[in-house]
Each structure stands twice: as C-alpha cells, then as structure tokens.
C-alpha cells in the first residue's frame, strides 16, 4: 500500500516520472510533495518513525534531485538543486 507522499512522488503521473522521462520540473507536483512532507514531519517526529514506503519515496526523490541530469536545461538544473536542498532541510528537522 502506498501512502499519499509515496504516490505523489512515484505514481505513473507523479513527480519523478515527469522529471526522469520528460526532464520537466513540475512545480505544482513539487509543491504538493513539499506540503505533504510538511504535514507528515510532525507526525513522524511524534511517533518516532517514518513509514517504509515514505522512506523509500524520499530516498528516491532526493537521489533523483541530487543526481540531476545532463539533459536538464539550466533553469531546471537550478530548480532541481534548490528543491533538493529544501527537502533535505525539511527532513533535517526530524533530528532536533
């Protein structure tokens, strides 16, 4: 069973498919992902764990954002780098 976050990231019409296959950074889908992470982060912190499907989705997301692509145009490359840092910063709050 996939969570909402996992679905937003990995579904056939999800963010990563567009990023990988079309070299397109979908701002709307990214904002949905970011907002879902912001909603889930306090829950994860309180319960002390993150669902396996969410961990897998977040790893895939960060891996793809951090890895970039030689096919991205300059604007997309900059947006991908910024998004990677933003997601990592949100997740880092779980430590405190």
Protein backbone atom coordinates (compact mmCIF):
# COMPACT_ATOMS: atom_id res chain seq x y z
CA UNK A 1 0.00 0.00 0.00
CA UNK A 2 1.35 3.40 -0.98
CA UNK A 3 0.98 6.49 1.15
CA UNK A 4 -0.11 9.82 -0.27
CA UNK A 5 3.50 11.03 -0.23
CA UNK A 6 4.77 7.92 -1.98
CA UNK A 7 2.04 8.25 -4.58
CA UNK A 8 2.81 11.93 -5.22
CA UNK A 9 6.44 11.06 -5.84
CA UNK A 10 6.30 7.68 -7.60
CA UNK A 11 2.93 7.25 -9.32
CA UNK A 12 2.83 6.87 -13.10
CA UNK A 13 1.79 10.51 -13.37
CA UNK A 14 3.91 11.52 -10.37
CA UNK A 15 6.73 13.99 -10.00
CA UNK A 16 9.66 11.64 -10.59
CA UNK A 17 8.25 10.16 -13.79
CA UNK A 18 7.94 13.62 -15.31
CA UNK A 19 11.39 14.58 -14.06
CA UNK A 20 13.09 11.42 -15.39
CA UNK A 21 11.17 10.89 -18.62
CA UNK A 22 10.38 14.43 -19.71
CA UNK A 23 13.18 16.33 -17.94
CA UNK A 24 10.43 18.56 -16.57
CA UNK A 25 10.29 20.01 -13.07
CA UNK A 26 6.56 20.11 -12.31
CA UNK A 27 6.19 22.98 -9.83
CA UNK A 28 2.63 22.04 -8.87
CA UNK A 29 3.51 18.42 -8.13
CA UNK A 30 6.62 19.54 -6.25
CA UNK A 31 4.58 21.89 -4.06
CA UNK A 32 2.14 19.05 -3.33
CA UNK A 33 5.09 16.86 -2.26
CA UNK A 34 6.65 19.61 -0.15
CA UNK A 35 3.33 20.36 1.56
CA UNK A 36 2.73 16.67 2.27
CA UNK A 37 6.20 16.38 3.82
CA UNK A 38 5.46 19.44 5.97
CA UNK A 39 2.19 17.82 7.08
CA UNK A 40 3.82 14.45 7.82
CA UNK A 41 7.02 15.67 9.51
CA UNK A 42 5.40 16.48 12.90
CA UNK A 43 3.65 13.07 12.85
CA UNK A 44 6.92 11.29 12.06
CA UNK A 45 8.68 13.16 14.83
CA UNK A 46 5.96 12.38 17.38
CA UNK A 47 5.66 8.70 16.52
CA UNK A 48 9.43 8.25 16.20
CA UNK A 49 9.39 6.56 12.79
CA UNK A 50 8.63 7.06 9.13
CA UNK A 51 6.67 4.51 7.11
CA UNK A 52 8.84 2.32 4.89
CA UNK A 53 7.03 3.46 1.74
CA UNK A 54 7.67 7.11 2.68
CA UNK A 55 11.35 6.44 3.39
CA UNK A 56 11.74 4.73 0.03
CA UNK A 57 9.93 7.56 -1.76
CA UNK A 58 12.00 10.25 -0.02
CA UNK A 59 15.25 8.44 -0.83
CA UNK A 60 14.22 8.18 -4.48
CA UNK A 61 13.24 11.84 -4.55
CA UNK A 62 16.47 13.09 -3.00
CA UNK A 63 18.55 10.72 -5.13
CA UNK A 64 16.97 12.00 -8.34
CA UNK A 65 17.16 15.63 -7.28
CA UNK A 66 20.77 15.35 -6.10
CA UNK A 67 21.83 13.38 -9.18
CA UNK A 68 20.41 15.85 -11.65
CA UNK A 69 20.54 15.04 -15.36
CA UNK A 70 22.73 16.04 -18.24
CA UNK A 71 19.51 16.60 -20.18
CA UNK A 72 18.12 19.35 -17.93
CA UNK A 73 18.23 22.89 -19.19
CA UNK A 74 19.98 25.39 -16.91
CA UNK A 75 16.76 26.66 -15.35
CA UNK A 76 15.59 23.13 -14.50
CA UNK A 77 19.02 22.21 -13.13
CA UNK A 78 18.96 25.19 -10.74
CA UNK A 79 15.37 24.39 -9.65
CA UNK A 80 16.29 20.74 -9.02
CA UNK A 81 19.29 21.74 -6.88
CA UNK A 82 17.18 24.21 -4.88
CA UNK A 83 14.44 21.62 -4.35
CA UNK A 84 16.96 19.06 -3.14
CA UNK A 85 18.34 21.44 -0.53
CA UNK A 86 14.83 22.44 0.51
CA UNK A 87 13.64 18.84 1.04
CA UNK A 88 16.83 17.93 2.90
CA UNK A 89 16.37 20.95 5.18
CA UNK A 90 12.76 19.99 5.97
CA UNK A 91 13.76 16.40 6.75
CA UNK A 92 16.69 17.50 8.91
CA UNK A 93 14.24 18.94 11.45
CA UNK A 94 13.45 15.35 12.45
CA UNK A 95 16.80 15.25 14.24
CA UNK A 96 16.04 18.04 16.67
